[in-house]
Amino acid sequence: MTAFIVPVLFFAVCIALFFVIRKRKRYVFAVPGNVAQLLSDHVAYYRKLSPEEKTIFEKRVKEFLSYIRIHGVNTEVEDIDKVLVASSAVIPVFGFDEWRYYNLKDVLLYGDRFNMEDFSTTGDERHTLGMVGTGALQRMMILSKPALRQDFLNESRKDNTGIHEFVHLLDKADGATDGIPEALLHQQYTIPWIRYMSEAIHHIKTGRSDIDVYGATSHAEFFAVAAEYFFNRPDLFKINHPELFALMEKIFNQRPLIRERRL
């Protein structure tokens, strides 16, 4: 009986969330007027760009905020939250012109960690910082607001919840969340990428890697975890994982260390 109740409860919560959003007052796509200042103050990736690139990045942040709705769930959505969500989206695809997230419509910001089974923010099972929705939550993303902010605030860390979840969306763009982003990856790099992923996951499982252990969960999680590391600490990533680093430069069409040398 329990095995039946849990899925039903999950589905009911998903539908309830969907209709709560639908019944809200018509969403106003308000883009903050101080985007450049917020980016300069809070996004290290942006500060490493050239003046021309900064202008492009600002434009793409504003474009993202013009078609993606960001809702607070038991928390207020402030301008800084909008800009950090948008930055999380733009950073992985900055190497591709005119990219648009067709597989996303709403971002739900929670005031804390949440339980991914029933989306509650109370109890002992609140371990989830972010997730990409499926089923009734298709085209939705859920993020913990404190995690989103903290990951951009601490510039020395290798992880970033927002980037992680948007990389899952990129992976999902070809129809399968499998760690092989066919929408970004040229065919000739697919086999080497799968091989390096498998080797890297083996190293994680045997304690011979500094990539977060969560990356060993699956190829999809490895891709997202490695991407966080690639964008947040490209200096360390290249030293510790030079072959993976070279492939990820090709996947994302970006060379982050070139930007670091501008500083």
C-alpha atoms as a PDB file:
ATOM      1  CA  MET A   1       0.000   0.000   0.000  1.00  0.00           C
ATOM      2  CA  THR A   2       2.828   2.425   0.897  1.00  0.00           C
ATOM      3  CA  ALA A   3       4.448   1.838  -2.498  1.00  0.00           C
ATOM      4  CA  PHE A   4       1.204   3.026  -4.080  1.00  0.00           C
ATOM      5  CA  ILE A   5       0.549   5.988  -1.777  1.00  0.00           C
ATOM      6  CA  VAL A   6       3.957   7.623  -2.203  1.00  0.00           C
ATOM      7  CA  PRO A   7       3.757   8.019  -6.020  1.00  0.00           C
ATOM      8  CA  VAL A   8       0.164   9.250  -5.745  1.00  0.00           C
ATOM      9  CA  LEU A   9       1.156  11.799  -3.104  1.00  0.00           C
ATOM     10  CA  PHE A  10       4.088  12.929  -5.237  1.00  0.00           C
ATOM     11  CA  PHE A  11       1.851  13.383  -8.270  1.00  0.00           C
ATOM     12  CA  ALA A  12      -0.755  15.276  -6.226  1.00  0.00           C
ATOM     13  CA  VAL A  13       1.897  17.672  -4.906  1.00  0.00           C
ATOM     14  CA  CYS A  14       3.195  18.249  -8.445  1.00  0.00           C
ATOM     15  CA  ILE A  15      -0.288  19.087  -9.725  1.00  0.00           C
ATOM     16  CA  ALA A  16      -0.935  21.351  -6.726  1.00  0.00           C
ATOM     17  CA  LEU A  17       2.259  23.280  -7.401  1.00  0.00           C
ATOM     18  CA  PHE A  18       1.320  23.628 -11.053  1.00  0.00           C
ATOM     19  CA  PHE A  19      -2.097  25.081 -10.325  1.00  0.00           C
ATOM     20  CA  VAL A  20      -0.776  27.387  -7.611  1.00  0.00           C
ATOM     21  CA  ILE A  21       1.443  28.954 -10.236  1.00  0.00           C
ATOM     22  CA  ARG A  22      -1.321  29.100 -12.847  1.00  0.00           C
ATOM     23  CA  LYS A  23      -3.720  30.837 -10.440  1.00  0.00           C
ATOM     24  CA  ARG A  24      -1.282  33.514  -9.427  1.00  0.00           C
ATOM     25  CA  LYS A  25      -1.551  37.057 -10.698  1.00  0.00           C
ATOM     26  CA  ARG A  26      -0.285  37.438 -14.253  1.00  0.00           C
ATOM     27  CA  TYR A  27       3.507  37.295 -14.143  1.00  0.00           C
ATOM     28  CA  VAL A  28       5.325  40.519 -14.997  1.00  0.00           C
ATOM     29  CA  PHE A  29       8.709  40.016 -16.666  1.00  0.00           C
ATOM     30  CA  ALA A  30      10.501  42.802 -14.795  1.00  0.00           C
ATOM     31  CA  VAL A  31      14.211  42.968 -15.628  1.00  0.00           C
ATOM     32  CA  PRO A  32      16.291  44.682 -12.908  1.00  0.00           C
ATOM     33  CA  GLY A  33      17.614  48.081 -13.900  1.00  0.00           C
ATOM     34  CA  ASN A  34      21.008  47.490 -12.274  1.00  0.00           C
ATOM     35  CA  VAL A  35      21.985  44.235 -13.983  1.00  0.00           C
ATOM     36  CA  ALA A  36      25.562  45.326 -14.745  1.00  0.00           C
ATOM     37  CA  GLN A  37      26.230  46.366 -11.149  1.00  0.00           C
ATOM     38  CA  LEU A  38      24.757  43.185  -9.693  1.00  0.00           C
ATOM     39  CA  LEU A  39      26.851  41.086 -12.068  1.00  0.00           C
ATOM     40  CA  SER A  40      29.989  43.016 -11.206  1.00  0.00           C
ATOM     41  CA  ASP A  41      29.359  42.636  -7.490  1.00  0.00           C
ATOM     42  CA  HIS A  42      28.353  38.973  -7.400  1.00  0.00           C
ATOM     43  CA  VAL A  43      29.452  37.010 -10.493  1.00  0.00           C
ATOM     44  CA  ALA A  44      33.179  36.293 -10.802  1.00  0.00           C
ATOM     45  CA  TYR A  45      32.736  34.804 -14.292  1.00  0.00           C
ATOM     46  CA  TYR A  46      31.360  38.134 -15.527  1.00  0.00           C
ATOM     47  CA  ARG A  47      34.223  40.145 -14.019  1.00  0.00           C
ATOM     48  CA  LYS A  48      36.747  38.139 -16.067  1.00  0.00           C
ATOM     49  CA  LEU A  49      35.110  39.034 -19.381  1.00  0.00           C
ATOM     50  CA  SER A  50      36.348  41.740 -21.746  1.00  0.00           C
ATOM     51  CA  PRO A  51      34.256  44.930 -21.929  1.00  0.00           C
ATOM     52  CA  GLU A  52      32.686  43.711 -25.171  1.00  0.00           C
ATOM     53  CA  GLU A  53      31.886  40.318 -23.685  1.00  0.00           C
ATOM     54  CA  LYS A  54      30.386  41.937 -20.593  1.00  0.00           C
ATOM     55  CA  THR A  55      27.953  43.838 -22.772  1.00  0.00           C
ATOM     56  CA  ILE A  56      26.931  40.593 -24.498  1.00  0.00           C
ATOM     57  CA  PHE A  57      26.577  38.782 -21.166  1.00  0.00           C
ATOM     58  CA  GLU A  58      24.348  41.555 -19.779  1.00  0.00           C
ATOM     59  CA  LYS A  59      22.173  41.384 -22.888  1.00  0.00           C
ATOM     60  CA  ARG A  60      21.765  37.629 -22.573  1.00  0.00           C
ATOM     61  CA  VAL A  61      20.893  37.858 -18.875  1.00  0.00           C
ATOM     62  CA  LYS A  62      18.168  40.362 -19.730  1.00  0.00           C
ATOM     63  CA  GLU A  63      16.904  38.169 -22.576  1.00  0.00           C
ATOM     64  CA  PHE A  64      16.669  35.174 -20.236  1.00  0.00           C
ATOM     65  CA  LEU A  65      14.686  37.206 -17.715  1.00  0.00           C
ATOM     66  CA  SER A  66      12.338  38.318 -20.493  1.00  0.00           C
ATOM     67  CA  TYR A  67      10.971  34.809 -21.104  1.00  0.00           C
ATOM     68  CA  ILE A  68      11.636  32.729 -17.940  1.00  0.00           C
ATOM     69  CA  ARG A  69       9.402  33.231 -14.896  1.00  0.00           C
ATOM     70  CA  ILE A  70      11.023  33.083 -11.450  1.00  0.00           C
ATOM     71  CA  HIS A  71       8.720  32.428  -8.488  1.00  0.00           C
ATOM     72  CA  GLY A  72       9.463  32.449  -4.769  1.00  0.00           C
ATOM     73  CA  VAL A  73       8.055  29.593  -2.671  1.00  0.00           C
ATOM     74  CA  ASN A  74       7.856  30.839   0.917  1.00  0.00           C
ATOM     75  CA  THR A  75      10.546  33.360   0.096  1.00  0.00           C
ATOM     76  CA  GLU A  76      10.884  36.676  -1.720  1.00  0.00           C
ATOM     77  CA  VAL A  77      12.551  36.858  -5.121  1.00  0.00           C
ATOM     78  CA  GLU A  78      14.906  39.852  -5.147  1.00  0.00           C
ATOM     79  CA  ASP A  79      16.777  41.384  -8.055  1.00  0.00           C
ATOM     80  CA  ILE A  80      19.996  39.621  -7.052  1.00  0.00           C
ATOM     81  CA  ASP A  81      18.196  36.261  -7.195  1.00  0.00           C
ATOM     82  CA  LYS A  82      16.930  36.951 -10.712  1.00  0.00           C
ATOM     83  CA  VAL A  83      20.404  37.904 -11.894  1.00  0.00           C
ATOM     84  CA  LEU A  84      22.037  34.850 -10.294  1.00  0.00           C
ATOM     85  CA  VAL A  85      19.491  32.472 -11.816  1.00  0.00           C
ATOM     86  CA  ALA A  86      20.005  34.096 -15.215  1.00  0.00           C
ATOM     87  CA  SER A  87      23.797  33.982 -14.824  1.00  0.00           C
ATOM     88  CA  SER A  88      23.598  30.276 -13.990  1.00  0.00           C
ATOM     89  CA  ALA A  89      21.754  29.831 -17.280  1.00  0.00           C
ATOM     90  CA  VAL A  90      23.978  32.022 -19.449  1.00  0.00           C
ATOM     91  CA  ILE A  91      27.402  30.841 -18.243  1.00  0.00           C
ATOM     92  CA  PRO A  92      27.240  27.293 -19.712  1.00  0.00           C
ATOM     93  CA  VAL A  93      25.980  28.524 -23.107  1.00  0.00           C
ATOM     94  CA  PHE A  94      27.950  31.747 -23.415  1.00  0.00           C
ATOM     95  CA  GLY A  95      29.991  30.155 -26.192  1.00  0.00           C
ATOM     96  CA  PHE A  96      26.860  29.722 -28.322  1.00  0.00           C
ATOM     97  CA  ASP A  97      25.065  32.678 -29.885  1.00  0.00           C
ATOM     98  CA  GLU A  98      21.301  33.011 -29.558  1.00  0.00           C
ATOM     99  CA  TRP A  99      20.864  29.987 -27.280  1.00  0.00           C
ATOM    100  CA  ARG A 100      17.357  29.775 -25.806  1.00  0.00           C
ATOM    101  CA  TYR A 101      16.081  27.374 -23.131  1.00  0.00           C
ATOM    102  CA  TYR A 102      13.031  25.987 -24.882  1.00  0.00           C
ATOM    103  CA  ASN A 103      12.777  23.214 -22.284  1.00  0.00           C
ATOM    104  CA  LEU A 104      12.258  25.646 -19.381  1.00  0.00           C
ATOM    105  CA  LYS A 105       9.394  27.945 -18.460  1.00  0.00           C
ATOM    106  CA  ASP A 106       9.465  28.473 -14.680  1.00  0.00           C
ATOM    107  CA  VAL A 107      12.097  28.517 -11.940  1.00  0.00           C
ATOM    108  CA  LEU A 108      10.865  27.983  -8.388  1.00  0.00           C
ATOM    109  CA  LEU A 109      13.102  29.434  -5.675  1.00  0.00           C
ATOM    110  CA  TYR A 110      12.756  27.780  -2.279  1.00  0.00           C
ATOM    111  CA  GLY A 111      13.810  29.509   0.920  1.00  0.00           C
ATOM    112  CA  ASP A 112      15.784  26.456   2.057  1.00  0.00           C
ATOM    113  CA  ARG A 113      16.802  22.935   1.121  1.00  0.00           C
ATOM    114  CA  PHE A 114      13.833  20.747   0.262  1.00  0.00           C
ATOM    115  CA  ASN A 115      12.694  17.152   0.162  1.00  0.00           C
ATOM    116  CA  MET A 116      12.685  16.030  -3.465  1.00  0.00           C
ATOM    117  CA  GLU A 117       9.955  13.460  -2.781  1.00  0.00           C
ATOM    118  CA  ASP A 118       7.261  15.835  -1.510  1.00  0.00           C
ATOM    119  CA  PHE A 119       8.991  19.257  -1.933  1.00  0.00           C
ATOM    120  CA  SER A 120       8.584  20.031   1.783  1.00  0.00           C
ATOM    121  CA  THR A 121      10.983  22.418   3.544  1.00  0.00           C
ATOM    122  CA  THR A 122      10.504  20.825   6.972  1.00  0.00           C
ATOM    123  CA  GLY A 123      11.621  17.512   8.395  1.00  0.00           C
ATOM    124  CA  ASP A 124      14.864  15.557   8.330  1.00  0.00           C
ATOM    125  CA  GLU A 125      14.876  14.621   4.631  1.00  0.00           C
ATOM    126  CA  ARG A 126      15.598  18.103   3.262  1.00  0.00           C
ATOM    127  CA  HIS A 127      18.784  17.318   1.334  1.00  0.00           C
ATOM    128  CA  THR A 128      18.039  18.665  -2.151  1.00  0.00           C
ATOM    129  CA  LEU A 129      19.473  21.997  -3.349  1.00  0.00           C
ATOM    130  CA  GLY A 130      18.162  21.884  -6.900  1.00  0.00           C
ATOM    131  CA  MET A 131      16.400  19.758  -9.482  1.00  0.00           C
ATOM    132  CA  VAL A 132      15.045  19.826 -13.008  1.00  0.00           C
ATOM    133  CA  GLY A 133      11.382  18.896 -13.120  1.00  0.00           C
ATOM    134  CA  THR A 134       9.883  15.952 -14.947  1.00  0.00           C
ATOM    135  CA  GLY A 135       6.331  14.718 -15.488  1.00  0.00           C
ATOM    136  CA  ALA A 136       3.860  17.233 -14.061  1.00  0.00           C
ATOM    137  CA  LEU A 137       6.809  19.541 -13.351  1.00  0.00           C
ATOM    138  CA  GLN A 138       8.088  19.418 -16.926  1.00  0.00           C
ATOM    139  CA  ARG A 139       9.733  22.701 -18.002  1.00  0.00           C
ATOM    140  CA  MET A 140      10.263  23.699 -14.366  1.00  0.00           C
ATOM    141  CA  MET A 141      13.400  23.968 -12.242  1.00  0.00           C
ATOM    142  CA  ILE A 142      13.560  24.153  -8.444  1.00  0.00           C
ATOM    143  CA  LEU A 143      16.481  25.811  -6.668  1.00  0.00           C
ATOM    144  CA  SER A 144      17.347  26.570  -3.059  1.00  0.00           C
ATOM    145  CA  LYS A 145      17.809  30.344  -2.821  1.00  0.00           C
ATOM    146  CA  PRO A 146      20.441  30.159  -0.034  1.00  0.00           C
ATOM    147  CA  ALA A 147      22.469  27.616  -2.055  1.00  0.00           C
ATOM    148  CA  LEU A 148      22.197  29.727  -5.214  1.00  0.00           C
ATOM    149  CA  ARG A 149      23.530  32.784  -3.394  1.00  0.00           C
ATOM    150  CA  GLN A 150      26.219  31.009  -1.402  1.00  0.00           C
ATOM    151  CA  ASP A 151      27.692  29.279  -4.433  1.00  0.00           C
ATOM    152  CA  PHE A 152      28.260  32.610  -6.194  1.00  0.00           C
ATOM    153  CA  LEU A 153      29.467  34.302  -3.002  1.00  0.00           C
ATOM    154  CA  ASN A 154      32.229  31.767  -2.328  1.00  0.00           C
ATOM    155  CA  GLU A 155      34.413  32.097  -5.410  1.00  0.00           C
ATOM    156  CA  SER A 156      36.988  29.499  -4.314  1.00  0.00           C
ATOM    157  CA  ARG A 157      34.600  26.557  -4.365  1.00  0.00           C
ATOM    158  CA  LYS A 158      34.273  24.082  -7.211  1.00  0.00           C
ATOM    159  CA  ASP A 159      30.504  23.647  -7.048  1.00  0.00           C
ATOM    160  CA  ASN A 160      27.588  25.806  -8.139  1.00  0.00           C
ATOM    161  CA  THR A 161      23.992  24.623  -7.753  1.00  0.00           C
ATOM    162  CA  GLY A 162      22.562  26.906 -10.433  1.00  0.00           C
ATOM    163  CA  ILE A 163      25.109  25.958 -13.079  1.00  0.00           C
ATOM    164  CA  HIS A 164      24.666  22.283 -12.184  1.00  0.00           C
ATOM    165  CA  GLU A 165      20.930  22.331 -12.871  1.00  0.00           C
ATOM    166  CA  PHE A 166      21.193  24.339 -16.086  1.00  0.00           C
ATOM    167  CA  VAL A 167      23.805  21.913 -17.389  1.00  0.00           C
ATOM    168  CA  HIS A 168      21.237  19.162 -16.783  1.00  0.00           C
ATOM    169  CA  LEU A 169      18.852  21.162 -18.995  1.00  0.00           C
ATOM    170  CA  LEU A 170      21.511  21.375 -21.719  1.00  0.00           C
ATOM    171  CA  ASP A 171      22.046  17.639 -21.432  1.00  0.00           C
ATOM    172  CA  LYS A 172      18.285  17.130 -21.676  1.00  0.00           C
ATOM    173  CA  ALA A 173      17.962  19.274 -24.827  1.00  0.00           C
ATOM    174  CA  ASP A 174      18.550  16.242 -27.078  1.00  0.00           C
ATOM    175  CA  GLY A 175      15.770  14.313 -25.323  1.00  0.00           C
ATOM    176  CA  ALA A 176      17.911  12.251 -22.936  1.00  0.00           C
ATOM    177  CA  THR A 177      19.618  13.299 -19.694  1.00  0.00           C
ATOM    178  CA  ASP A 178      22.557  10.944 -20.073  1.00  0.00           C
ATOM    179  CA  GLY A 179      25.720  13.030 -19.754  1.00  0.00           C
ATOM    180  CA  ILE A 180      26.161  13.171 -23.535  1.00  0.00           C
ATOM    181  CA  PRO A 181      25.030  16.636 -24.669  1.00  0.00           C
ATOM    182  CA  GLU A 182      24.446  15.936 -28.343  1.00  0.00           C
ATOM    183  CA  ALA A 183      23.155  19.490 -28.861  1.00  0.00           C
ATOM    184  CA  LEU A 184      26.635  20.783 -27.951  1.00  0.00           C
ATOM    185  CA  LEU A 185      29.033  17.916 -28.601  1.00  0.00           C
ATOM    186  CA  HIS A 186      30.424  17.382 -32.095  1.00  0.00           C
ATOM    187  CA  GLN A 187      30.119  13.748 -33.138  1.00  0.00           C
ATOM    188  CA  GLN A 188      33.865  13.122 -33.359  1.00  0.00           C
ATOM    189  CA  TYR A 189      34.237  13.926 -29.654  1.00  0.00           C
ATOM    190  CA  THR A 190      31.435  11.667 -28.419  1.00  0.00           C
ATOM    191  CA  ILE A 191      33.473   8.456 -28.037  1.00  0.00           C
ATOM    192  CA  PRO A 192      36.434  10.168 -26.309  1.00  0.00           C
ATOM    193  CA  TRP A 193      34.006  11.983 -23.996  1.00  0.00           C
ATOM    194  CA  ILE A 194      32.250   8.753 -22.957  1.00  0.00           C
ATOM    195  CA  ARG A 195      35.624   7.091 -22.359  1.00  0.00           C
ATOM    196  CA  TYR A 196      36.984   9.941 -20.236  1.00  0.00           C
ATOM    197  CA  MET A 197      33.733  10.118 -18.270  1.00  0.00           C
ATOM    198  CA  SER A 198      33.878   6.415 -17.455  1.00  0.00           C
ATOM    199  CA  GLU A 199      37.528   6.634 -16.414  1.00  0.00           C
ATOM    200  CA  ALA A 200      36.901   9.705 -14.270  1.00  0.00           C
ATOM    201  CA  ILE A 201      33.914   8.083 -12.535  1.00  0.00           C
ATOM    202  CA  HIS A 202      36.102   5.049 -11.768  1.00  0.00           C
ATOM    203  CA  HIS A 203      38.719   7.339 -10.231  1.00  0.00           C
ATOM    204  CA  ILE A 204      36.074   9.030  -8.091  1.00  0.00           C
ATOM    205  CA  LYS A 205      34.787   5.682  -6.822  1.00  0.00           C
ATOM    206  CA  THR A 206      38.302   4.527  -5.942  1.00  0.00           C
ATOM    207  CA  GLY A 207      39.164   7.768  -4.123  1.00  0.00           C
ATOM    208  CA  ARG A 208      41.643   9.008  -6.711  1.00  0.00           C
ATOM    209  CA  SER A 209      39.861  12.172  -7.821  1.00  0.00           C
ATOM    210  CA  ASP A 210      39.071  15.603  -6.409  1.00  0.00           C
ATOM    211  CA  ILE A 211      35.808  15.729  -8.399  1.00  0.00           C
ATOM    212  CA  ASP A 212      32.832  15.644  -6.032  1.00  0.00           C
ATOM    213  CA  VAL A 213      31.747  12.098  -5.211  1.00  0.00           C
ATOM    214  CA  TYR A 214      28.211  12.902  -6.387  1.00  0.00           C
ATOM    215  CA  GLY A 215      29.624  12.902  -9.898  1.00  0.00           C
ATOM    216  CA  ALA A 216      30.004   9.119  -9.665  1.00  0.00           C
ATOM    217  CA  THR A 217      26.227   8.671  -9.395  1.00  0.00           C
ATOM    218  CA  SER A 218      25.728   8.532 -13.171  1.00  0.00           C
ATOM    219  CA  HIS A 219      27.063   9.965 -16.437  1.00  0.00           C
ATOM    220  CA  ALA A 220      24.440  12.732 -16.223  1.00  0.00           C
ATOM    221  CA  GLU A 221      25.543  13.763 -12.737  1.00  0.00           C
ATOM    222  CA  PHE A 222      29.194  13.522 -13.700  1.00  0.00           C
ATOM    223  CA  PHE A 223      28.664  15.936 -16.587  1.00  0.00           C
ATOM    224  CA  ALA A 224      26.885  18.452 -14.351  1.00  0.00           C
ATOM    225  CA  VAL A 225      29.400  18.178 -11.495  1.00  0.00           C
ATOM    226  CA  ALA A 226      32.392  18.422 -13.844  1.00  0.00           C
ATOM    227  CA  ALA A 227      30.844  21.475 -15.523  1.00  0.00           C
ATOM    228  CA  GLU A 228      30.533  23.243 -12.162  1.00  0.00           C
ATOM    229  CA  TYR A 229      34.233  22.602 -11.548  1.00  0.00           C
ATOM    230  CA  PHE A 230      35.157  23.662 -15.104  1.00  0.00           C
ATOM    231  CA  PHE A 231      33.433  27.042 -14.817  1.00  0.00           C
ATOM    232  CA  ASN A 232      34.170  27.829 -11.155  1.00  0.00           C
ATOM    233  CA  ARG A 233      37.805  26.695 -10.906  1.00  0.00           C
ATOM    234  CA  PRO A 234      39.168  26.182 -14.421  1.00  0.00           C
ATOM    235  CA  ASP A 235      42.705  26.692 -13.101  1.00  0.00           C
ATOM    236  CA  LEU A 236      42.502  23.640 -10.827  1.00  0.00           C
ATOM    237  CA  PHE A 237      40.457  21.621 -13.293  1.00  0.00           C
ATOM    238  CA  LYS A 238      43.080  21.942 -16.025  1.00  0.00           C
ATOM    239  CA  ILE A 239      45.899  20.952 -13.657  1.00  0.00           C
ATOM    240  CA  ASN A 240      44.085  17.948 -12.211  1.00  0.00           C
ATOM    241  CA  HIS A 241      42.137  16.808 -15.292  1.00  0.00           C
ATOM    242  CA  PRO A 242      43.871  18.164 -18.436  1.00  0.00           C
ATOM    243  CA  GLU A 243      42.249  15.773 -20.930  1.00  0.00           C
ATOM    244  CA  LEU A 244      38.750  16.325 -19.561  1.00  0.00           C
ATOM    245  CA  PHE A 245      39.413  20.050 -19.493  1.00  0.00           C
ATOM    246  CA  ALA A 246      40.374  20.085 -23.174  1.00  0.00           C
ATOM    247  CA  LEU A 247      37.219  18.182 -24.124  1.00  0.00           C
ATOM    248  CA  MET A 248      34.983  20.451 -22.069  1.00  0.00           C
ATOM    249  CA  GLU A 249      36.473  23.490 -23.800  1.00  0.00           C
ATOM    250  CA  LYS A 250      35.194  21.952 -27.019  1.00  0.00           C
ATOM    251  CA  ILE A 251      31.804  20.954 -25.570  1.00  0.00           C
ATOM    252  CA  PHE A 252      31.071  24.443 -24.220  1.00  0.00           C
ATOM    253  CA  ASN A 253      33.009  26.318 -26.913  1.00  0.00           C
ATOM    254  CA  GLN A 254      34.746  28.341 -24.195  1.00  0.00           C
ATOM    255  CA  ARG A 255      38.291  28.861 -22.969  1.00  0.00           C
ATOM    256  CA  PRO A 256      37.877  30.081 -19.375  1.00  0.00           C
ATOM    257  CA  LEU A 257      41.599  30.301 -18.589  1.00  0.00           C
ATOM    258  CA  ILE A 258      42.057  32.897 -21.328  1.00  0.00           C
ATOM    259  CA  ARG A 259      39.663  35.109 -19.372  1.00  0.00           C
ATOM    260  CA  GLU A 260      41.550  34.507 -16.109  1.00  0.00           C
ATOM    261  CA  ARG A 261      44.764  35.792 -17.684  1.00  0.00           C
ATOM    262  CA  ARG A 262      43.081  39.159 -18.273  1.00  0.00           C
ATOM    263  CA  LEU A 263      42.959  39.802 -14.535  1.00  0.00           C
END
